[in-house]
Amino acid sequence: MISLGICGGHDANWCVFKDGKLLGAFEKERFSRIRHDSGNVMDYVEKTLRKLGISPNEIDVIMTTEANFKGNGSRIRIC
């Protein structure tokens, strides 16, 4: 099972787990070089998934703190 966790608020970040093992945890500011960068991280998520060799279609569940997250509702869990 592949899980993607996303927090798009202050200090936006995301993480990827496969079968309960952390594959990577990332902060948007490390990519954008803007301190405390917030907001949409999806462009960065797609790039990091490619680096990890994971297709977006392989993701089983998306966990997010963002109530207004847009995506395939059957895989999304609002935390």
N, C-alpha and C. Protein backbone atom coordinates (compact mmCIF):
# COMPACT_ATOMS: atom_id res chain seq x y z
N MET A 1 0.84 -1.17 0.00
CA MET A 1 0.00 0.00 0.00
C MET A 1 0.89 1.24 0.00
N ILE A 2 0.57 2.19 -0.87
CA ILE A 2 1.31 3.45 -0.94
C ILE A 2 0.40 4.57 -0.45
N SER A 3 0.91 5.34 0.51
CA SER A 3 0.16 6.44 1.10
C SER A 3 0.90 7.75 0.88
N LEU A 4 0.14 8.79 0.59
CA LEU A 4 0.67 10.13 0.40
C LEU A 4 0.02 11.04 1.42
N GLY A 5 0.82 11.72 2.23
CA GLY A 5 0.32 12.68 3.20
C GLY A 5 0.69 14.08 2.76
N ILE A 6 -0.30 15.00 2.79
CA ILE A 6 -0.08 16.37 2.30
C ILE A 6 -0.59 17.37 3.32
N CYS A 7 0.22 18.38 3.62
CA CYS A 7 -0.19 19.52 4.42
C CYS A 7 0.16 20.76 3.61
N GLY A 8 -0.85 21.47 3.12
CA GLY A 8 -0.60 22.61 2.26
C GLY A 8 -0.61 23.95 2.98
N GLY A 9 -0.72 23.93 4.28
CA GLY A 9 -0.78 25.17 5.05
C GLY A 9 0.60 25.76 5.27
N HIS A 10 0.76 26.47 6.38
CA HIS A 10 2.03 27.08 6.76
C HIS A 10 3.11 26.00 6.78
N ASP A 11 4.25 26.28 6.17
CA ASP A 11 5.32 25.28 6.03
C ASP A 11 4.81 24.03 5.33
N ALA A 12 4.25 24.21 4.13
CA ALA A 12 3.67 23.10 3.36
C ALA A 12 4.66 21.95 3.24
N ASN A 13 4.13 20.72 3.37
CA ASN A 13 4.98 19.54 3.32
C ASN A 13 4.19 18.33 2.86
N TRP A 14 4.90 17.26 2.55
CA TRP A 14 4.27 16.01 2.14
C TRP A 14 5.21 14.86 2.44
N CYS A 15 4.62 13.66 2.54
CA CYS A 15 5.41 12.47 2.79
C CYS A 15 4.82 11.29 2.02
N VAL A 16 5.65 10.29 1.80
CA VAL A 16 5.23 9.10 1.07
C VAL A 16 5.64 7.87 1.87
N PHE A 17 4.66 6.98 2.08
CA PHE A 17 4.90 5.71 2.76
C PHE A 17 4.56 4.57 1.81
N LYS A 18 5.33 3.48 1.89
CA LYS A 18 5.01 2.27 1.15
C LYS A 18 5.06 1.10 2.14
N ASP A 19 3.94 0.42 2.29
CA ASP A 19 3.82 -0.70 3.22
C ASP A 19 4.32 -0.33 4.61
N GLY A 20 3.95 0.87 5.06
CA GLY A 20 4.29 1.33 6.40
C GLY A 20 5.69 1.87 6.57
N LYS A 21 6.49 1.86 5.52
CA LYS A 21 7.87 2.36 5.58
C LYS A 21 7.94 3.73 4.92
N LEU A 22 8.54 4.69 5.62
CA LEU A 22 8.70 6.05 5.10
C LEU A 22 9.70 6.05 3.95
N LEU A 23 9.24 6.48 2.77
CA LEU A 23 10.14 6.61 1.62
C LEU A 23 10.74 8.00 1.53
N GLY A 24 10.01 8.99 2.03
CA GLY A 24 10.52 10.36 1.98
C GLY A 24 9.56 11.34 2.61
N ALA A 25 10.12 12.39 3.19
CA ALA A 25 9.35 13.49 3.76
C ALA A 25 9.97 14.78 3.24
N PHE A 26 9.13 15.68 2.77
CA PHE A 26 9.62 16.84 2.04
C PHE A 26 8.92 18.11 2.50
N GLU A 27 9.63 19.23 2.48
CA GLU A 27 9.05 20.55 2.77
C GLU A 27 9.17 21.41 1.52
N LYS A 28 8.10 22.12 1.22
CA LYS A 28 8.07 22.95 0.01
C LYS A 28 9.19 23.97 -0.01
N GLU A 29 9.52 24.55 1.15
CA GLU A 29 10.55 25.60 1.18
C GLU A 29 11.91 25.08 0.74
N ARG A 30 12.15 23.79 0.84
CA ARG A 30 13.43 23.22 0.41
C ARG A 30 13.55 23.19 -1.11
N PHE A 31 12.40 23.19 -1.78
CA PHE A 31 12.38 23.21 -3.24
C PHE A 31 12.26 24.63 -3.78
N SER A 32 11.40 25.45 -3.16
CA SER A 32 11.14 26.80 -3.66
C SER A 32 12.17 27.81 -3.17
N ARG A 33 12.87 27.46 -2.07
CA ARG A 33 13.83 28.37 -1.43
C ARG A 33 13.16 29.62 -0.85
N ILE A 34 11.85 29.50 -0.53
CA ILE A 34 11.10 30.58 0.12
C ILE A 34 10.76 30.11 1.53
N ARG A 35 11.30 30.79 2.52
CA ARG A 35 11.09 30.38 3.91
C ARG A 35 9.60 30.36 4.27
N HIS A 36 9.16 29.31 4.96
CA HIS A 36 7.76 29.12 5.39
C HIS A 36 6.80 29.12 4.20
N ASP A 37 7.24 28.62 3.06
CA ASP A 37 6.39 28.60 1.86
C ASP A 37 5.14 27.75 2.14
N SER A 38 4.01 28.26 1.72
CA SER A 38 2.74 27.56 1.96
C SER A 38 2.01 27.37 0.63
N GLY A 39 0.86 26.71 0.70
CA GLY A 39 0.02 26.58 -0.47
C GLY A 39 0.20 25.27 -1.22
N ASN A 40 -0.16 25.30 -2.48
CA ASN A 40 -0.21 24.13 -3.33
C ASN A 40 1.17 23.48 -3.49
N VAL A 41 1.23 22.19 -3.24
CA VAL A 41 2.48 21.46 -3.37
C VAL A 41 2.45 20.43 -4.49
N MET A 42 1.36 20.35 -5.23
CA MET A 42 1.16 19.24 -6.17
C MET A 42 2.23 19.14 -7.26
N ASP A 43 2.73 20.27 -7.76
CA ASP A 43 3.81 20.19 -8.76
C ASP A 43 5.04 19.51 -8.17
N TYR A 44 5.36 19.84 -6.93
CA TYR A 44 6.51 19.25 -6.27
C TYR A 44 6.25 17.78 -5.92
N VAL A 45 5.02 17.47 -5.53
CA VAL A 45 4.66 16.09 -5.21
C VAL A 45 4.85 15.20 -6.43
N GLU A 46 4.37 15.64 -7.57
CA GLU A 46 4.51 14.86 -8.80
C GLU A 46 5.98 14.60 -9.12
N LYS A 47 6.82 15.62 -8.94
CA LYS A 47 8.25 15.46 -9.23
C LYS A 47 8.90 14.47 -8.27
N THR A 48 8.56 14.55 -6.98
CA THR A 48 9.18 13.64 -6.02
C THR A 48 8.67 12.21 -6.21
N LEU A 49 7.40 12.05 -6.59
CA LEU A 49 6.89 10.71 -6.87
C LEU A 49 7.66 10.09 -8.04
N ARG A 50 7.92 10.87 -9.07
CA ARG A 50 8.70 10.38 -10.21
C ARG A 50 10.09 9.94 -9.75
N LYS A 51 10.73 10.75 -8.90
CA LYS A 51 12.07 10.41 -8.40
C LYS A 51 12.04 9.10 -7.60
N LEU A 52 10.92 8.86 -6.90
CA LEU A 52 10.77 7.63 -6.11
C LEU A 52 10.32 6.45 -6.96
N GLY A 53 10.03 6.71 -8.24
CA GLY A 53 9.60 5.65 -9.14
C GLY A 53 8.16 5.22 -8.93
N ILE A 54 7.33 6.17 -8.48
CA ILE A 54 5.92 5.89 -8.18
C ILE A 54 5.03 6.70 -9.11
N SER A 55 4.07 6.04 -9.71
CA SER A 55 3.07 6.71 -10.54
C SER A 55 1.92 7.18 -9.64
N PRO A 56 1.33 8.35 -9.93
CA PRO A 56 0.18 8.79 -9.13
C PRO A 56 -0.94 7.75 -9.06
N ASN A 57 -1.08 6.93 -10.09
CA ASN A 57 -2.12 5.88 -10.10
C ASN A 57 -1.84 4.77 -9.09
N GLU A 58 -0.60 4.66 -8.63
CA GLU A 58 -0.24 3.63 -7.65
C GLU A 58 -0.59 4.01 -6.22
N ILE A 59 -0.92 5.27 -5.97
CA ILE A 59 -1.23 5.74 -4.63
C ILE A 59 -2.58 5.17 -4.19
N ASP A 60 -2.58 4.51 -3.04
CA ASP A 60 -3.80 3.90 -2.52
C ASP A 60 -4.63 4.86 -1.69
N VAL A 61 -3.97 5.72 -0.94
CA VAL A 61 -4.69 6.66 -0.09
C VAL A 61 -3.92 7.98 -0.01
N ILE A 62 -4.67 9.08 0.01
CA ILE A 62 -4.11 10.41 0.18
C ILE A 62 -4.67 10.97 1.48
N MET A 63 -3.79 11.33 2.39
CA MET A 63 -4.22 11.91 3.67
C MET A 63 -3.83 13.38 3.67
N THR A 64 -4.75 14.23 4.08
CA THR A 64 -4.47 15.66 4.04
C THR A 64 -5.17 16.38 5.18
N THR A 65 -4.64 17.54 5.51
CA THR A 65 -5.28 18.42 6.49
C THR A 65 -6.14 19.46 5.78
N GLU A 66 -6.13 19.45 4.46
CA GLU A 66 -6.81 20.46 3.66
C GLU A 66 -8.23 20.01 3.31
N ALA A 67 -9.23 20.62 3.93
CA ALA A 67 -10.62 20.24 3.70
C ALA A 67 -11.08 20.54 2.27
N ASN A 68 -10.42 21.47 1.60
CA ASN A 68 -10.81 21.84 0.24
C ASN A 68 -9.94 21.18 -0.82
N PHE A 69 -9.23 20.11 -0.47
CA PHE A 69 -8.36 19.40 -1.40
C PHE A 69 -9.18 18.85 -2.56
N LYS A 70 -8.70 19.06 -3.77
CA LYS A 70 -9.39 18.57 -4.96
C LYS A 70 -8.70 17.31 -5.46
N GLY A 71 -9.48 16.30 -5.72
CA GLY A 71 -8.89 15.06 -6.22
C GLY A 71 -9.92 13.95 -6.25
N ASN A 72 -9.46 12.74 -6.45
CA ASN A 72 -10.32 11.57 -6.51
C ASN A 72 -10.79 11.23 -5.10
N GLY A 73 -12.05 11.55 -4.80
CA GLY A 73 -12.60 11.42 -3.47
C GLY A 73 -12.54 10.04 -2.85
N SER A 74 -12.48 8.98 -3.64
CA SER A 74 -12.47 7.63 -3.09
C SER A 74 -11.15 7.31 -2.40
N ARG A 75 -10.08 8.05 -2.69
CA ARG A 75 -8.78 7.77 -2.10
C ARG A 75 -8.38 8.80 -1.05
N ILE A 76 -9.20 9.81 -0.79
CA ILE A 76 -8.81 10.91 0.07
C ILE A 76 -9.38 10.75 1.46
N ARG A 77 -8.52 10.97 2.47
CA ARG A 77 -8.94 10.97 3.87
C ARG A 77 -8.54 12.32 4.45
N ILE A 78 -9.51 13.10 4.93
CA ILE A 78 -9.21 14.39 5.56
C ILE A 78 -8.92 14.12 7.03
N CYS A 79 -7.73 14.51 7.49
CA CYS A 79 -7.31 14.25 8.87
C CYS A 79 -7.48 15.49 9.72
